[in-house]
Structures are given as structure tokens and as C-alpha cells.
Amino acid sequence: MDGFDVRYGLTTPNVLEARVNRAMAESAKTTVAVCDSSKFGRRCLSLIIPTSFVDETITDRNISKGDLQALREADVEVTLV
């Protein structure tokens, strides 16, 4: 993913990549988003999946308090590394 707007979802500028990633997420039992904190607050052209599809997010400790709170309010488990 190139962007993760917590209120919108995971995004990428590549339409084909979004389709493939969406298919993988929809067929998975658990969806884990792994990204560094610089991806938060960014939105790109193509939606991969909405935040409601994400079960867990693994990111670094530089995530903003607002994004961290929004993830937790969306019932997304967050692991900070």
C-alpha cells in the first residue's frame, strides 16, 4: 500500500495492484496491514480495502496519536514496533 487513510482505507496509485491485493484480502481469514507511519494520512487513486477489512496493523511508534486512536476505535488490533 502507498497510503492508509484510517477513515477511508488502504490505497495505491496502481489500479491493477489494488485489484490483486483486494482479492487476496477478501480470500484471507485474517488481514494484516504492515506499513511504516509515513503511510498514514495519505490517500491514493485506488482503494485496496476499507479499514473495516483490516484485522491488525503493524507499524512503527511514530504513528500519530489520532491515527492510532482511530484504528483502535475501528476495532483494528495495533502492534507497534
N, C-alpha and C. Protein backbone atom coordinates (compact mmCIF):
# COMPACT_ATOMS: atom_id res chain seq x y z
N MET A 1 0.83 -1.17 0.00
CA MET A 1 0.00 0.00 0.00
C MET A 1 0.88 1.24 0.00
N ASP A 2 0.34 2.28 -0.53
CA ASP A 2 1.08 3.55 -0.56
C ASP A 2 0.44 4.57 0.38
N GLY A 3 -0.79 4.32 0.76
CA GLY A 3 -1.48 5.22 1.67
C GLY A 3 -2.45 4.47 2.56
N PHE A 4 -2.62 4.99 3.78
CA PHE A 4 -3.57 4.40 4.71
C PHE A 4 -4.28 5.55 5.41
N ASP A 5 -5.42 5.92 4.86
CA ASP A 5 -6.30 6.90 5.49
C ASP A 5 -7.25 6.09 6.35
N VAL A 6 -7.11 6.17 7.66
CA VAL A 6 -7.85 5.30 8.57
C VAL A 6 -9.36 5.41 8.36
N ARG A 7 -9.85 6.56 7.99
CA ARG A 7 -11.30 6.72 7.78
C ARG A 7 -11.75 6.23 6.41
N TYR A 8 -10.81 5.95 5.50
CA TYR A 8 -11.13 5.52 4.14
C TYR A 8 -10.65 4.10 3.86
N GLY A 9 -9.36 3.86 4.07
CA GLY A 9 -8.82 2.53 3.85
C GLY A 9 -7.42 2.54 3.27
N LEU A 10 -6.99 1.38 2.79
CA LEU A 10 -5.66 1.21 2.22
C LEU A 10 -5.73 1.52 0.74
N THR A 11 -4.77 2.28 0.23
CA THR A 11 -4.81 2.71 -1.15
C THR A 11 -3.45 2.57 -1.84
N THR A 12 -3.50 2.61 -3.17
CA THR A 12 -2.32 2.58 -4.01
C THR A 12 -2.62 3.36 -5.28
N PRO A 13 -1.60 3.89 -5.94
CA PRO A 13 -1.86 4.58 -7.21
C PRO A 13 -2.07 3.61 -8.37
N ASN A 14 -1.76 2.31 -8.18
CA ASN A 14 -1.82 1.33 -9.24
C ASN A 14 -3.15 0.56 -9.19
N VAL A 15 -3.99 0.73 -10.20
CA VAL A 15 -5.31 0.11 -10.23
C VAL A 15 -5.21 -1.42 -10.24
N LEU A 16 -4.30 -1.97 -11.03
CA LEU A 16 -4.16 -3.43 -11.09
C LEU A 16 -3.65 -4.01 -9.78
N GLU A 17 -2.71 -3.33 -9.16
CA GLU A 17 -2.21 -3.77 -7.86
C GLU A 17 -3.34 -3.76 -6.83
N ALA A 18 -4.18 -2.75 -6.86
CA ALA A 18 -5.30 -2.67 -5.93
C ALA A 18 -6.24 -3.86 -6.10
N ARG A 19 -6.50 -4.25 -7.34
CA ARG A 19 -7.39 -5.39 -7.60
C ARG A 19 -6.82 -6.69 -7.07
N VAL A 20 -5.53 -6.91 -7.31
CA VAL A 20 -4.89 -8.14 -6.84
C VAL A 20 -4.86 -8.17 -5.31
N ASN A 21 -4.45 -7.07 -4.70
CA ASN A 21 -4.39 -7.00 -3.24
C ASN A 21 -5.77 -7.16 -2.61
N ARG A 22 -6.79 -6.59 -3.24
CA ARG A 22 -8.16 -6.71 -2.73
C ARG A 22 -8.60 -8.18 -2.78
N ALA A 23 -8.31 -8.86 -3.86
CA ALA A 23 -8.68 -10.27 -3.99
C ALA A 23 -8.01 -11.11 -2.91
N MET A 24 -6.75 -10.83 -2.65
CA MET A 24 -6.04 -11.57 -1.59
C MET A 24 -6.67 -11.31 -0.23
N ALA A 25 -6.97 -10.05 0.06
CA ALA A 25 -7.56 -9.70 1.36
C ALA A 25 -8.94 -10.31 1.53
N GLU A 26 -9.72 -10.33 0.46
CA GLU A 26 -11.08 -10.87 0.55
C GLU A 26 -11.08 -12.38 0.74
N SER A 27 -10.03 -13.06 0.29
CA SER A 27 -9.98 -14.51 0.44
C SER A 27 -9.25 -14.96 1.71
N ALA A 28 -8.63 -14.02 2.41
CA ALA A 28 -7.87 -14.35 3.61
C ALA A 28 -8.78 -14.47 4.84
N LYS A 29 -8.37 -15.29 5.78
CA LYS A 29 -9.09 -15.38 7.05
C LYS A 29 -8.78 -14.17 7.93
N THR A 30 -7.56 -13.70 7.84
CA THR A 30 -7.11 -12.56 8.64
C THR A 30 -6.34 -11.62 7.73
N THR A 31 -6.60 -10.33 7.85
CA THR A 31 -5.89 -9.34 7.05
C THR A 31 -5.04 -8.48 7.96
N VAL A 32 -3.73 -8.47 7.69
CA VAL A 32 -2.78 -7.71 8.47
C VAL A 32 -2.13 -6.68 7.55
N ALA A 33 -2.24 -5.42 7.92
CA ALA A 33 -1.58 -4.35 7.17
C ALA A 33 -0.26 -4.04 7.85
N VAL A 34 0.83 -4.08 7.09
CA VAL A 34 2.16 -3.78 7.61
C VAL A 34 2.67 -2.57 6.87
N CYS A 35 2.90 -1.49 7.60
CA CYS A 35 3.38 -0.26 6.95
C CYS A 35 4.05 0.64 7.98
N ASP A 36 4.93 1.49 7.48
CA ASP A 36 5.54 2.46 8.40
C ASP A 36 4.58 3.64 8.57
N SER A 37 4.83 4.42 9.57
CA SER A 37 3.91 5.51 9.94
C SER A 37 3.76 6.58 8.86
N SER A 38 4.69 6.66 7.92
CA SER A 38 4.60 7.68 6.87
C SER A 38 3.43 7.43 5.91
N LYS A 39 2.88 6.23 5.91
CA LYS A 39 1.76 5.91 5.02
C LYS A 39 0.43 6.44 5.54
N PHE A 40 0.35 6.71 6.84
CA PHE A 40 -0.91 7.16 7.43
C PHE A 40 -1.23 8.60 7.03
N GLY A 41 -2.51 8.85 6.82
CA GLY A 41 -2.94 10.17 6.43
C GLY A 41 -2.81 10.43 4.94
N ARG A 42 -2.38 9.42 4.19
CA ARG A 42 -2.23 9.55 2.74
C ARG A 42 -3.32 8.75 2.04
N ARG A 43 -3.81 9.29 0.93
CA ARG A 43 -4.81 8.60 0.13
C ARG A 43 -4.38 8.65 -1.33
N CYS A 44 -4.39 7.51 -1.97
CA CYS A 44 -4.00 7.40 -3.37
C CYS A 44 -5.23 7.08 -4.23
N LEU A 45 -5.01 6.96 -5.53
CA LEU A 45 -6.07 6.78 -6.51
C LEU A 45 -6.98 5.58 -6.27
N SER A 46 -6.41 4.42 -6.00
CA SER A 46 -7.18 3.18 -5.98
C SER A 46 -7.32 2.60 -4.58
N LEU A 47 -8.55 2.36 -4.18
CA LEU A 47 -8.82 1.74 -2.89
C LEU A 47 -8.52 0.25 -2.97
N ILE A 48 -7.71 -0.24 -2.06
CA ILE A 48 -7.45 -1.68 -1.95
C ILE A 48 -8.57 -2.29 -1.12
N ILE A 49 -8.67 -1.88 0.13
CA ILE A 49 -9.74 -2.33 1.01
C ILE A 49 -10.05 -1.22 2.00
N PRO A 50 -11.29 -1.17 2.47
CA PRO A 50 -11.60 -0.22 3.54
C PRO A 50 -11.00 -0.69 4.86
N THR A 51 -10.85 0.20 5.78
CA THR A 51 -10.28 -0.11 7.08
C THR A 51 -11.06 -1.22 7.79
N SER A 52 -12.34 -1.32 7.54
CA SER A 52 -13.16 -2.35 8.19
C SER A 52 -12.73 -3.76 7.83
N PHE A 53 -11.96 -3.95 6.75
CA PHE A 53 -11.46 -5.27 6.35
C PHE A 53 -10.16 -5.63 7.08
N VAL A 54 -9.54 -4.68 7.76
CA VAL A 54 -8.24 -4.89 8.40
C VAL A 54 -8.44 -5.42 9.81
N ASP A 55 -7.81 -6.56 10.11
CA ASP A 55 -7.88 -7.14 11.45
C ASP A 55 -6.78 -6.62 12.35
N GLU A 56 -5.59 -6.44 11.78
CA GLU A 56 -4.43 -5.99 12.55
C GLU A 56 -3.56 -5.10 11.69
N THR A 57 -2.93 -4.13 12.34
CA THR A 57 -1.95 -3.27 11.67
C THR A 57 -0.66 -3.31 12.47
N ILE A 58 0.45 -3.51 11.76
CA ILE A 58 1.77 -3.46 12.37
C ILE A 58 2.47 -2.24 11.80
N THR A 59 2.90 -1.36 12.69
CA THR A 59 3.55 -0.13 12.25
C THR A 59 4.56 0.33 13.30
N ASP A 60 5.29 1.38 12.96
CA ASP A 60 6.29 1.89 13.90
C ASP A 60 5.66 2.86 14.90
N ARG A 61 6.41 3.20 15.90
CA ARG A 61 5.93 4.02 17.01
C ARG A 61 5.75 5.50 16.67
N ASN A 62 6.04 5.89 15.44
CA ASN A 62 5.86 7.28 15.03
C ASN A 62 4.46 7.58 14.53
N ILE A 63 3.56 6.61 14.57
CA ILE A 63 2.19 6.84 14.15
C ILE A 63 1.58 7.93 15.03
N SER A 64 0.77 8.78 14.44
CA SER A 64 0.17 9.86 15.22
C SER A 64 -0.84 9.29 16.22
N LYS A 65 -1.01 10.00 17.31
CA LYS A 65 -1.97 9.56 18.32
C LYS A 65 -3.37 9.49 17.75
N GLY A 66 -3.70 10.42 16.84
CA GLY A 66 -5.02 10.43 16.21
C GLY A 66 -5.27 9.20 15.36
N ASP A 67 -4.28 8.82 14.55
CA ASP A 67 -4.43 7.63 13.72
C ASP A 67 -4.46 6.37 14.57
N LEU A 68 -3.65 6.31 15.59
CA LEU A 68 -3.65 5.17 16.49
C LEU A 68 -5.01 5.01 17.16
N GLN A 69 -5.55 6.10 17.65
CA GLN A 69 -6.87 6.06 18.29
C GLN A 69 -7.95 5.66 17.29
N ALA A 70 -7.88 6.20 16.07
CA ALA A 70 -8.88 5.86 15.05
C ALA A 70 -8.83 4.38 14.69
N LEU A 71 -7.63 3.80 14.61
CA LEU A 71 -7.51 2.37 14.34
C LEU A 71 -8.16 1.56 15.46
N ARG A 72 -7.86 1.92 16.68
CA ARG A 72 -8.42 1.18 17.82
C ARG A 72 -9.93 1.34 17.89
N GLU A 73 -10.44 2.52 17.55
CA GLU A 73 -11.89 2.73 17.53
C GLU A 73 -12.54 1.92 16.42
N ALA A 74 -11.79 1.61 15.37
CA ALA A 74 -12.29 0.79 14.27
C ALA A 74 -12.10 -0.70 14.57
N ASP A 75 -11.73 -1.04 15.80
CA ASP A 75 -11.53 -2.42 16.24
C ASP A 75 -10.40 -3.12 15.47
N VAL A 76 -9.37 -2.34 15.11
CA VAL A 76 -8.18 -2.91 14.47
C VAL A 76 -7.13 -3.08 15.55
N GLU A 77 -6.62 -4.31 15.69
CA GLU A 77 -5.54 -4.55 16.64
C GLU A 77 -4.29 -3.87 16.10
N VAL A 78 -3.55 -3.18 16.95
CA VAL A 78 -2.36 -2.45 16.53
C VAL A 78 -1.14 -2.99 17.27
N THR A 79 -0.10 -3.31 16.51
CA THR A 79 1.17 -3.72 17.06
C THR A 79 2.20 -2.69 16.67
N LEU A 80 2.82 -2.06 17.68
CA LEU A 80 3.84 -1.06 17.43
C LEU A 80 5.21 -1.70 17.58
N VAL A 81 6.08 -1.42 16.61
CA VAL A 81 7.44 -1.99 16.65
C VAL A 81 8.47 -0.89 16.63
